[in-house]
């Protein structure tokens, strides 16, 4: 009776025991009341279709009549818990399960959470990356988030997935100006996030992968030992040869760089450039291999005010001519060019994660306007994507069939199957708890049956 009362805070419907087990790693950082409220919100965020508001989480968990509903809102806007501490623990869980050995590949990218309203102070006007194209510019009002994701193979998915572990809010310039603070650029937040992740994973080799937005000298110069940066590189980037060796008659200060090297766009069209044909596997998430022509060398990447950085650059062209030539760089010159390309194309999964969190976890449907709640809600939903992916490894097996049909030939499991498997475990928990005497006959409690029906009827 005591255990039942502990599980039922403000409701007669207890939280499934398996959810407590899955989230037990995060228990030390919450008080007892906050922990019970957290379990309800996590369960509701998984089971709810459509919007992920606090009210929808309470309805789906049988707490629509709970008089203490404000306590669940206060967990997000007032309770004392540190999202950064939980991000550190989440990183440990993901790395321990999926990357127990070898380098940890972490992708970083920003996304716009479309939000409106005068009370959302940190929002700004940005280019919408989803609806914009090279010839069409679309603005969007919202919040800018920088997310760091572990790019690791997931056994049940049989592919690389991007699992968010740390998400930072990058306030608009107007927000900082109103508060008399110096505005931090996206690359400044990236530098702080990189250093934070390196402190959380001492002794591990970390490879950070980013798009051309993160190809900046200050970020490369701030990398600690055992950290590597792989990004795109501009075709007109300034690269230099190493400085000449000094001798006893050399005058002046030591040179930081030597003679300028030819621009990559010059090397691209030079007739004497030696190209090597390679085959890249899983090209941008596709199963088919991709033939590429590459050439590579090293050079000093330099800009006045930052120390020079020796990098390996890789120039890539498509033999079929369908794609524009691209250049990549690595701060580790010992990496093979093919390996640099293989690491970079993993970041394609970051866009997949952003799309799936919007489709299945209700990103952009939450309605908090409190600054503290905003800082916690979106990173929590992104972190839930990582947790569901890890938990699905406990309930999915090789015999699990993907959600397919005669008109939908689907051979591999996706996040849709993972979400459905975790939901089924949570929905089924009461069936076995309420029918211990006769395992062959499972009685569905009336309240549970009603909520399942409402989830279907009010899904939209």
Protein backbone atom coordinates (compact mmCIF):
# COMPACT_ATOMS: atom_id res chain seq x y z
CA UNK A 1 0.00 0.00 0.00
CA UNK A 2 2.87 2.37 0.73
CA UNK A 3 4.47 1.75 -2.65
CA UNK A 4 1.14 2.38 -4.37
CA UNK A 5 0.71 5.70 -2.61
CA UNK A 6 4.23 6.75 -3.52
CA UNK A 7 3.51 6.08 -7.17
CA UNK A 8 0.19 7.91 -7.16
CA UNK A 9 0.78 11.58 -6.57
CA UNK A 10 -2.51 13.32 -7.19
CA UNK A 11 -3.90 10.42 -9.24
CA UNK A 12 -5.11 6.84 -8.93
CA UNK A 13 -3.09 5.84 -11.98
CA UNK A 14 0.52 5.00 -11.06
CA UNK A 15 3.58 5.63 -13.20
CA UNK A 16 4.84 2.39 -14.83
CA UNK A 17 7.69 0.79 -12.96
CA UNK A 18 9.75 0.35 -16.12
CA UNK A 19 9.75 4.12 -16.66
CA UNK A 20 11.19 4.55 -13.18
CA UNK A 21 13.93 2.09 -14.07
CA UNK A 22 14.74 3.83 -17.34
CA UNK A 23 14.99 7.24 -15.68
CA UNK A 24 16.71 6.06 -12.48
CA UNK A 25 20.04 7.57 -13.60
CA UNK A 26 18.57 11.06 -13.22
CA UNK A 27 16.90 10.54 -9.81
CA UNK A 28 19.67 12.04 -7.60
CA UNK A 29 19.17 15.55 -9.01
CA UNK A 30 15.49 15.93 -8.09
CA UNK A 31 13.59 16.24 -4.86
CA UNK A 32 10.95 13.57 -4.16
CA UNK A 33 7.94 15.72 -5.25
CA UNK A 34 9.72 17.04 -8.34
CA UNK A 35 10.72 13.50 -9.28
CA UNK A 36 7.12 12.29 -9.27
CA UNK A 37 6.04 15.25 -11.37
CA UNK A 38 8.89 14.63 -13.81
CA UNK A 39 7.84 11.00 -14.30
CA UNK A 40 4.31 12.11 -15.17
CA UNK A 41 5.49 14.71 -17.69
CA UNK A 42 7.92 12.31 -19.36
CA UNK A 43 5.24 9.63 -19.60
CA UNK A 44 2.79 12.16 -20.98
CA UNK A 45 5.27 13.50 -23.53
CA UNK A 46 5.80 9.97 -24.86
CA UNK A 47 2.14 8.94 -24.96
CA UNK A 48 0.60 12.20 -26.15
CA UNK A 49 -0.22 12.61 -29.83
CA UNK A 50 0.01 16.10 -31.29
CA UNK A 51 0.87 18.96 -28.94
CA UNK A 52 3.27 18.46 -26.03
CA UNK A 53 1.79 20.95 -23.61
CA UNK A 54 1.64 20.28 -19.87
CA UNK A 55 -2.13 19.96 -20.08
CA UNK A 56 -1.92 17.29 -22.80
CA UNK A 57 0.58 15.34 -20.68
CA UNK A 58 -1.79 15.46 -17.70
CA UNK A 59 -4.78 14.35 -19.77
CA UNK A 60 -3.07 11.35 -21.32
CA UNK A 61 -1.82 10.14 -17.94
CA UNK A 62 -5.24 10.33 -16.29
CA UNK A 63 -4.69 13.56 -14.37
CA UNK A 64 -7.19 15.81 -16.10
CA UNK A 65 -9.01 16.27 -12.76
CA UNK A 66 -5.85 16.80 -10.69
CA UNK A 67 -6.26 19.92 -8.56
CA UNK A 68 -2.50 20.34 -8.18
CA UNK A 69 -1.92 20.82 -11.92
CA UNK A 70 0.05 24.03 -11.29
CA UNK A 71 2.82 21.99 -9.66
CA UNK A 72 3.58 20.38 -13.02
CA UNK A 73 3.99 23.82 -14.60
CA UNK A 74 6.24 24.86 -11.72
CA UNK A 75 8.55 21.94 -12.43
CA UNK A 76 9.49 23.72 -15.65
CA UNK A 77 9.42 27.36 -14.64
CA UNK A 78 10.37 27.36 -10.97
CA UNK A 79 11.73 24.08 -9.56
CA UNK A 80 15.42 23.90 -8.71
CA UNK A 81 17.08 21.49 -11.11
CA UNK A 82 19.94 22.12 -13.48
CA UNK A 83 19.45 21.12 -17.14
CA UNK A 84 23.23 21.26 -17.68
CA UNK A 85 23.80 18.61 -15.01
CA UNK A 86 21.19 16.35 -16.59
CA UNK A 87 22.81 16.87 -20.00
CA UNK A 88 26.09 15.60 -18.55
CA UNK A 89 24.36 12.49 -17.24
CA UNK A 90 22.54 11.95 -20.55
CA UNK A 91 25.86 12.13 -22.40
CA UNK A 92 27.28 9.46 -20.09
CA UNK A 93 24.27 7.19 -20.68
CA UNK A 94 24.39 7.53 -24.47
CA UNK A 95 28.14 7.07 -24.71
CA UNK A 96 28.13 4.06 -22.38
CA UNK A 97 25.40 2.34 -24.40
CA UNK A 98 26.42 3.18 -27.95
CA UNK A 99 30.08 4.28 -27.96
CA UNK A 100 31.85 2.27 -25.24
CA UNK A 101 35.16 2.45 -27.11
CA UNK A 102 36.77 4.47 -29.86
CA UNK A 103 36.31 8.14 -30.72
CA UNK A 104 33.05 9.88 -29.87
CA UNK A 105 31.65 11.64 -32.95
CA UNK A 106 29.57 14.71 -32.02
CA UNK A 107 27.70 16.73 -34.62
CA UNK A 108 26.67 20.31 -34.01
CA UNK A 109 24.08 22.37 -35.82
CA UNK A 110 21.50 25.05 -35.14
CA UNK A 111 17.77 25.04 -35.74
CA UNK A 112 14.98 27.58 -35.51
CA UNK A 113 12.02 26.81 -33.25
CA UNK A 114 9.25 28.88 -34.79
CA UNK A 115 7.59 30.81 -31.96
CA UNK A 116 5.59 34.03 -31.79
CA UNK A 117 4.47 36.27 -28.95
CA UNK A 118 5.77 39.41 -27.22
CA UNK A 119 6.46 37.54 -23.97
CA UNK A 120 9.03 35.26 -25.60
CA UNK A 121 11.88 37.67 -25.05
CA UNK A 122 14.79 35.71 -26.55
CA UNK A 123 13.19 35.22 -29.97
CA UNK A 124 14.50 36.88 -33.10
CA UNK A 125 14.01 37.03 -36.87
CA UNK A 126 16.13 34.45 -38.70
CA UNK A 127 16.42 32.80 -42.07
CA UNK A 128 14.16 29.75 -42.13
CA UNK A 129 16.45 26.91 -43.27
CA UNK A 130 13.53 24.59 -44.09
CA UNK A 131 11.50 26.89 -46.34
CA UNK A 132 14.40 28.89 -47.82
CA UNK A 133 16.46 27.93 -50.85
CA UNK A 134 19.40 29.39 -52.74
CA UNK A 135 17.14 31.70 -54.68
CA UNK A 136 14.32 32.21 -52.17
CA UNK A 137 14.81 33.79 -48.74
CA UNK A 138 12.17 33.16 -46.06
CA UNK A 139 12.24 34.79 -42.63
CA UNK A 140 10.97 33.12 -39.47
CA UNK A 141 10.25 34.41 -35.98
CA UNK A 142 11.47 32.08 -33.29
CA UNK A 143 14.18 30.82 -31.00
CA UNK A 144 17.58 29.72 -32.18
CA UNK A 145 18.97 26.55 -30.64
CA UNK A 146 22.42 25.04 -30.98
CA UNK A 147 22.33 21.28 -30.45
CA UNK A 148 25.22 18.86 -29.95
CA UNK A 149 24.37 15.28 -30.94
CA UNK A 150 26.25 12.01 -30.60
CA UNK A 151 26.53 10.46 -34.08
CA UNK A 152 26.67 6.74 -33.37
CA UNK A 153 25.41 3.49 -34.89
CA UNK A 154 22.20 2.24 -33.26
CA UNK A 155 21.90 -1.58 -33.38
CA UNK A 156 18.12 -1.80 -33.78
CA UNK A 157 18.08 0.87 -36.51
CA UNK A 158 21.10 -0.57 -38.39
CA UNK A 159 22.29 2.93 -39.19
CA UNK A 160 23.87 6.05 -37.73
CA UNK A 161 21.54 8.21 -35.67
CA UNK A 162 22.06 11.67 -34.19
CA UNK A 163 21.18 11.72 -30.48
CA UNK A 164 20.95 15.18 -28.84
CA UNK A 165 22.85 15.45 -25.55
CA UNK A 166 23.34 19.19 -25.09
CA UNK A 167 21.14 21.98 -26.48
CA UNK A 168 21.87 25.66 -25.92
CA UNK A 169 19.62 28.66 -26.49
CA UNK A 170 21.29 31.36 -28.60
CA UNK A 171 19.32 34.56 -27.82
CA UNK A 172 18.83 37.18 -30.49
CA UNK A 173 20.97 40.28 -30.75
CA UNK A 174 17.98 42.44 -29.79
CA UNK A 175 17.53 40.43 -26.58
CA UNK A 176 21.16 40.97 -25.53
CA UNK A 177 21.09 44.64 -26.50
CA UNK A 178 18.04 45.31 -24.32
CA UNK A 179 19.83 43.79 -21.34
CA UNK A 180 23.09 45.63 -21.98
CA UNK A 181 25.04 42.45 -22.67
CA UNK A 182 27.55 41.71 -25.39
CA UNK A 183 25.94 39.57 -28.05
CA UNK A 184 27.43 36.12 -28.47
CA UNK A 185 27.58 34.71 -31.96
CA UNK A 186 26.62 31.15 -32.83
CA UNK A 187 30.31 30.25 -32.99
CA UNK A 188 30.85 31.63 -29.48
CA UNK A 189 28.15 29.30 -28.16
CA UNK A 190 29.70 26.47 -30.17
CA UNK A 191 33.11 27.11 -28.61
CA UNK A 192 31.67 27.02 -25.10
CA UNK A 193 29.69 23.87 -25.88
CA UNK A 194 32.76 22.13 -27.30
CA UNK A 195 34.81 22.92 -24.21
CA UNK A 196 31.99 21.78 -21.93
CA UNK A 197 31.63 18.42 -23.70
CA UNK A 198 35.38 17.86 -23.57
CA UNK A 199 35.30 18.39 -19.79
CA UNK A 200 32.46 15.87 -19.50
CA UNK A 201 34.39 13.23 -21.45
CA UNK A 202 37.93 13.38 -20.07
CA UNK A 203 40.33 10.95 -21.66
CA UNK A 204 38.10 10.24 -24.70
CA UNK A 205 38.95 11.20 -28.27
CA UNK A 206 36.19 13.50 -29.53
CA UNK A 207 35.55 14.48 -33.14
CA UNK A 208 33.28 17.50 -33.64
CA UNK A 209 31.55 17.69 -37.02
CA UNK A 210 29.89 20.84 -38.27
CA UNK A 211 28.85 22.68 -41.39
CA UNK A 212 30.63 25.69 -42.87
CA UNK A 213 29.09 27.92 -40.15
CA UNK A 214 31.59 26.42 -37.70
CA UNK A 215 34.66 26.72 -39.93
CA UNK A 216 36.09 29.61 -37.88
CA UNK A 217 39.59 30.11 -36.55
CA UNK A 218 38.56 30.89 -32.98
CA UNK A 219 36.75 27.55 -32.65
CA UNK A 220 39.66 25.59 -34.11
CA UNK A 221 42.14 27.42 -31.87
CA UNK A 222 40.08 26.68 -28.73
CA UNK A 223 40.07 22.91 -29.23
CA UNK A 224 41.65 21.08 -26.29
CA UNK A 225 43.94 18.08 -26.57
CA UNK A 226 42.38 14.97 -28.18
CA UNK A 227 39.60 17.04 -29.78
CA UNK A 228 39.27 17.26 -33.57
CA UNK A 229 37.19 19.58 -35.72
CA UNK A 230 35.86 18.52 -39.14
CA UNK A 231 33.90 21.05 -41.18
CA UNK A 232 33.36 22.30 -44.68
CA UNK A 233 36.02 24.67 -46.02
CA UNK A 234 35.54 27.58 -48.37
CA UNK A 235 37.08 27.16 -51.81
CA UNK A 236 38.71 30.59 -51.40
CA UNK A 237 40.11 29.90 -47.90
CA UNK A 238 43.54 31.38 -47.19
CA UNK A 239 46.06 28.60 -46.66
CA UNK A 240 49.81 28.97 -46.25
CA UNK A 241 52.93 26.87 -46.31
CA UNK A 242 54.85 26.34 -43.04
CA UNK A 243 57.34 29.12 -42.21
CA UNK A 244 60.96 28.72 -43.24
CA UNK A 245 63.40 27.33 -40.72
CA UNK A 246 65.20 29.97 -38.72
CA UNK A 247 68.99 30.08 -38.61
CA UNK A 248 71.54 32.09 -36.73
CA UNK A 249 71.40 35.01 -39.16
CA UNK A 250 67.60 35.29 -39.24
CA UNK A 251 66.38 38.68 -38.01
CA UNK A 252 63.06 39.76 -36.54
CA UNK A 253 60.25 37.91 -34.87
CA UNK A 254 59.58 34.26 -35.76
CA UNK A 255 57.30 33.99 -38.78
CA UNK A 256 53.95 32.35 -38.17
CA UNK A 257 53.36 31.33 -41.77
CA UNK A 258 55.14 30.84 -45.04
CA UNK A 259 54.19 31.59 -48.61
CA UNK A 260 50.49 31.49 -49.60
CA UNK A 261 49.29 28.26 -51.14
CA UNK A 262 47.06 28.23 -54.23
CA UNK A 263 43.35 28.64 -53.57
CA UNK A 264 41.33 25.46 -53.61
CA UNK A 265 39.21 26.72 -56.50
CA UNK A 266 42.45 27.11 -58.47
CA UNK A 267 43.52 23.56 -57.61
CA UNK A 268 40.07 22.34 -58.63
CA UNK A 269 40.47 23.50 -62.23
CA UNK A 270 44.23 23.07 -62.59
CA UNK A 271 45.02 20.45 -65.28
CA UNK A 272 47.97 19.04 -63.29
CA UNK A 273 45.91 18.26 -60.19
CA UNK A 274 46.13 14.56 -59.36
CA UNK A 275 42.74 13.04 -58.47
CA UNK A 276 42.06 9.77 -56.71
CA UNK A 277 38.84 7.80 -57.21
CA UNK A 278 37.28 6.45 -53.98
CA UNK A 279 33.95 4.88 -53.06
CA UNK A 280 32.12 6.42 -50.09
CA UNK A 281 29.65 4.13 -48.34
CA UNK A 282 26.31 5.33 -46.90
CA UNK A 283 26.55 8.61 -48.77
CA UNK A 284 24.33 11.05 -46.86
CA UNK A 285 22.26 8.26 -45.36
CA UNK A 286 21.70 6.34 -48.57
CA UNK A 287 22.53 2.66 -48.79
CA UNK A 288 24.14 2.98 -52.21
CA UNK A 289 27.84 3.75 -52.41
CA UNK A 290 29.05 6.94 -54.03
CA UNK A 291 32.06 7.31 -56.33
CA UNK A 292 34.08 10.46 -55.66
CA UNK A 293 37.22 12.07 -57.00
CA UNK A 294 39.35 13.56 -54.23
CA UNK A 295 42.65 15.30 -53.76
CA UNK A 296 44.15 16.26 -50.42
CA UNK A 297 47.08 18.00 -48.78
CA UNK A 298 47.95 20.02 -45.68
CA UNK A 299 48.34 23.71 -45.04
CA UNK A 300 48.39 26.38 -42.36
CA UNK A 301 44.96 27.87 -41.79
CA UNK A 302 45.65 31.39 -40.59
CA UNK A 303 43.91 34.63 -39.76
CA UNK A 304 45.45 37.61 -38.03
CA UNK A 305 44.72 37.54 -34.29
CA UNK A 306 44.57 33.75 -33.93
CA UNK A 307 47.41 31.24 -33.94
CA UNK A 308 47.91 29.32 -37.20
CA UNK A 309 46.37 25.85 -37.33
CA UNK A 310 47.80 23.04 -39.42
CA UNK A 311 44.91 21.32 -41.16
CA UNK A 312 44.30 18.65 -43.75
CA UNK A 313 42.04 19.77 -46.55
CA UNK A 314 40.15 17.46 -48.86
CA UNK A 315 38.81 18.65 -52.21
CA UNK A 316 35.93 16.54 -53.54
CA UNK A 317 34.25 16.51 -56.92
CA UNK A 318 31.43 14.37 -58.27
CA UNK A 319 32.46 12.36 -61.38
CA UNK A 320 28.86 12.51 -62.62
CA UNK A 321 28.78 16.30 -62.28
CA UNK A 322 25.47 16.31 -60.39
CA UNK A 323 26.90 17.90 -57.25
CA UNK A 324 28.99 21.01 -56.92
CA UNK A 325 32.62 20.51 -55.79
CA UNK A 326 33.10 20.71 -52.05
CA UNK A 327 36.03 21.09 -49.69
CA UNK A 328 36.42 19.70 -46.18
CA UNK A 329 39.00 20.20 -43.46
CA UNK A 330 40.24 18.38 -40.39
CA UNK A 331 42.41 19.74 -37.60
CA UNK A 332 43.98 16.27 -37.37
CA UNK A 333 46.32 15.91 -40.33
CA UNK A 334 46.80 12.17 -39.68
CA UNK A 335 43.23 11.28 -40.67
CA UNK A 336 42.82 9.72 -44.09
CA UNK A 337 40.82 11.82 -46.59
CA UNK A 338 38.22 9.05 -46.99
CA UNK A 339 37.77 8.91 -43.22
CA UNK A 340 37.28 12.68 -43.03
CA UNK A 341 34.51 12.44 -45.61
CA UNK A 342 32.92 9.46 -43.82
CA UNK A 343 32.83 11.40 -40.54
CA UNK A 344 31.38 14.49 -42.18
CA UNK A 345 28.49 12.78 -43.97
CA UNK A 346 27.28 11.45 -40.61
CA UNK A 347 26.01 14.93 -39.85
CA UNK A 348 23.21 14.39 -42.37
CA UNK A 349 21.42 12.55 -39.55
CA UNK A 350 21.20 15.80 -37.56
CA UNK A 351 18.59 17.12 -39.99
CA UNK A 352 16.72 13.80 -39.68
CA UNK A 353 16.64 14.19 -35.89
CA UNK A 354 15.28 17.74 -36.12
CA UNK A 355 12.54 16.55 -38.48
CA UNK A 356 11.62 13.52 -36.35
CA UNK A 357 11.45 15.50 -33.11
CA UNK A 358 9.01 17.88 -34.78
CA UNK A 359 6.93 15.02 -36.18
CA UNK A 360 6.91 12.65 -33.17
CA UNK A 361 7.79 14.68 -30.06
CA UNK A 362 5.93 17.91 -30.69
CA UNK A 363 8.80 20.38 -30.96
CA UNK A 364 7.27 23.85 -31.62
CA UNK A 365 3.91 22.80 -30.10
CA UNK A 366 4.77 23.62 -26.47
CA UNK A 367 3.31 26.88 -25.24
CA UNK A 368 5.53 28.06 -22.38
CA UNK A 369 6.50 31.72 -22.44
CA UNK A 370 8.40 31.89 -19.14
CA UNK A 371 12.11 32.28 -19.77
CA UNK A 372 13.06 29.48 -17.39
CA UNK A 373 10.48 27.09 -18.89
CA UNK A 374 11.67 27.86 -22.44
CA UNK A 375 15.26 27.10 -21.45
CA UNK A 376 14.15 23.68 -20.16
CA UNK A 377 11.33 22.46 -22.40
CA UNK A 378 12.91 22.29 -25.86
CA UNK A 379 16.21 20.75 -24.68
CA UNK A 380 14.18 18.22 -22.67
CA UNK A 381 12.15 17.15 -25.70
CA UNK A 382 15.32 16.78 -27.76
CA UNK A 383 16.88 14.76 -24.93
CA UNK A 384 13.76 12.58 -24.87
CA UNK A 385 14.53 11.62 -28.46
CA UNK A 386 17.87 10.22 -27.29
CA UNK A 387 16.28 8.41 -24.34
CA UNK A 388 13.56 6.79 -26.47
CA UNK A 389 16.24 5.64 -28.93
CA UNK A 390 18.24 4.06 -26.11
CA UNK A 391 15.16 2.53 -24.42
CA UNK A 392 14.01 1.04 -27.72
CA UNK A 393 17.12 -1.12 -27.62
CA UNK A 394 15.59 -2.88 -24.59
CA UNK A 395 12.24 -3.66 -26.23
CA UNK A 396 13.04 -4.09 -29.93
CA UNK A 397 14.59 -7.29 -31.21
CA UNK A 398 15.71 -8.70 -34.54
CA UNK A 399 12.30 -10.36 -34.90
CA UNK A 400 10.42 -7.05 -34.56
CA UNK A 401 8.72 -6.21 -37.82
CA UNK A 402 8.70 -2.57 -38.95
CA UNK A 403 5.45 -0.68 -39.35
CA UNK A 404 4.79 -1.46 -43.01
CA UNK A 405 1.95 -2.27 -45.41
CA UNK A 406 1.36 -3.67 -48.86
CA UNK A 407 1.79 -0.18 -50.35
CA UNK A 408 4.67 0.78 -48.04
CA UNK A 409 7.70 -1.47 -48.42
CA UNK A 410 9.64 -0.87 -45.23
CA UNK A 411 12.44 -3.24 -44.27
CA UNK A 412 14.30 -1.42 -41.48
CA UNK A 413 13.10 -0.10 -38.13
CA UNK A 414 12.85 3.66 -37.74
CA UNK A 415 12.15 6.07 -34.90
CA UNK A 416 8.44 5.59 -35.56
CA UNK A 417 8.82 1.93 -34.58
CA UNK A 418 10.93 2.87 -31.55
CA UNK A 419 8.30 5.36 -30.35
CA UNK A 420 5.53 2.81 -30.87
CA UNK A 421 7.45 0.10 -28.98
CA UNK A 422 8.10 2.34 -25.97
CA UNK A 423 4.49 3.53 -25.97
CA UNK A 424 3.26 -0.07 -26.07
CA UNK A 425 5.37 -0.93 -23.03
CA UNK A 426 3.95 2.02 -21.09
CA UNK A 427 0.36 1.34 -22.14
CA UNK A 428 0.68 -2.38 -21.35
CA UNK A 429 2.10 -1.92 -17.86
CA UNK A 430 -1.35 -1.69 -16.23
CA UNK A 431 -2.63 -4.76 -18.03
CA UNK A 432 -0.20 -7.02 -16.20
CA UNK A 433 -0.48 -5.14 -12.91
CA UNK A 434 -4.26 -5.43 -12.72
CA UNK A 435 -4.49 -9.11 -13.80
CA UNK A 436 -1.95 -11.00 -11.66
CA UNK A 437 -4.24 -13.96 -10.92
CA UNK A 438 -4.97 -14.92 -14.51
CA UNK A 439 -2.14 -14.01 -16.92
CA UNK A 440 -4.16 -15.38 -19.83
CA UNK A 441 -6.90 -12.76 -19.40
CA UNK A 442 -5.86 -9.12 -19.25
CA UNK A 443 -8.45 -6.64 -18.01
CA UNK A 444 -8.05 -3.07 -19.17
CA UNK A 445 -8.98 -0.58 -16.43
CA UNK A 446 -11.88 1.67 -17.53
CA UNK A 447 -9.86 4.84 -17.02
CA UNK A 448 -7.02 3.53 -19.14
CA UNK A 449 -9.42 2.41 -21.89
CA UNK A 450 -11.04 5.85 -21.94
CA UNK A 451 -7.71 7.65 -22.27
CA UNK A 452 -6.64 5.33 -25.09
CA UNK A 453 -9.87 6.12 -26.90
CA UNK A 454 -9.38 9.87 -26.34
CA UNK A 455 -5.85 9.60 -27.67
CA UNK A 456 -7.30 8.25 -30.91
CA UNK A 457 -10.26 10.61 -31.13
CA UNK A 458 -8.37 13.80 -30.30
CA UNK A 459 -5.09 12.94 -32.04
CA UNK A 460 -5.32 15.99 -34.28
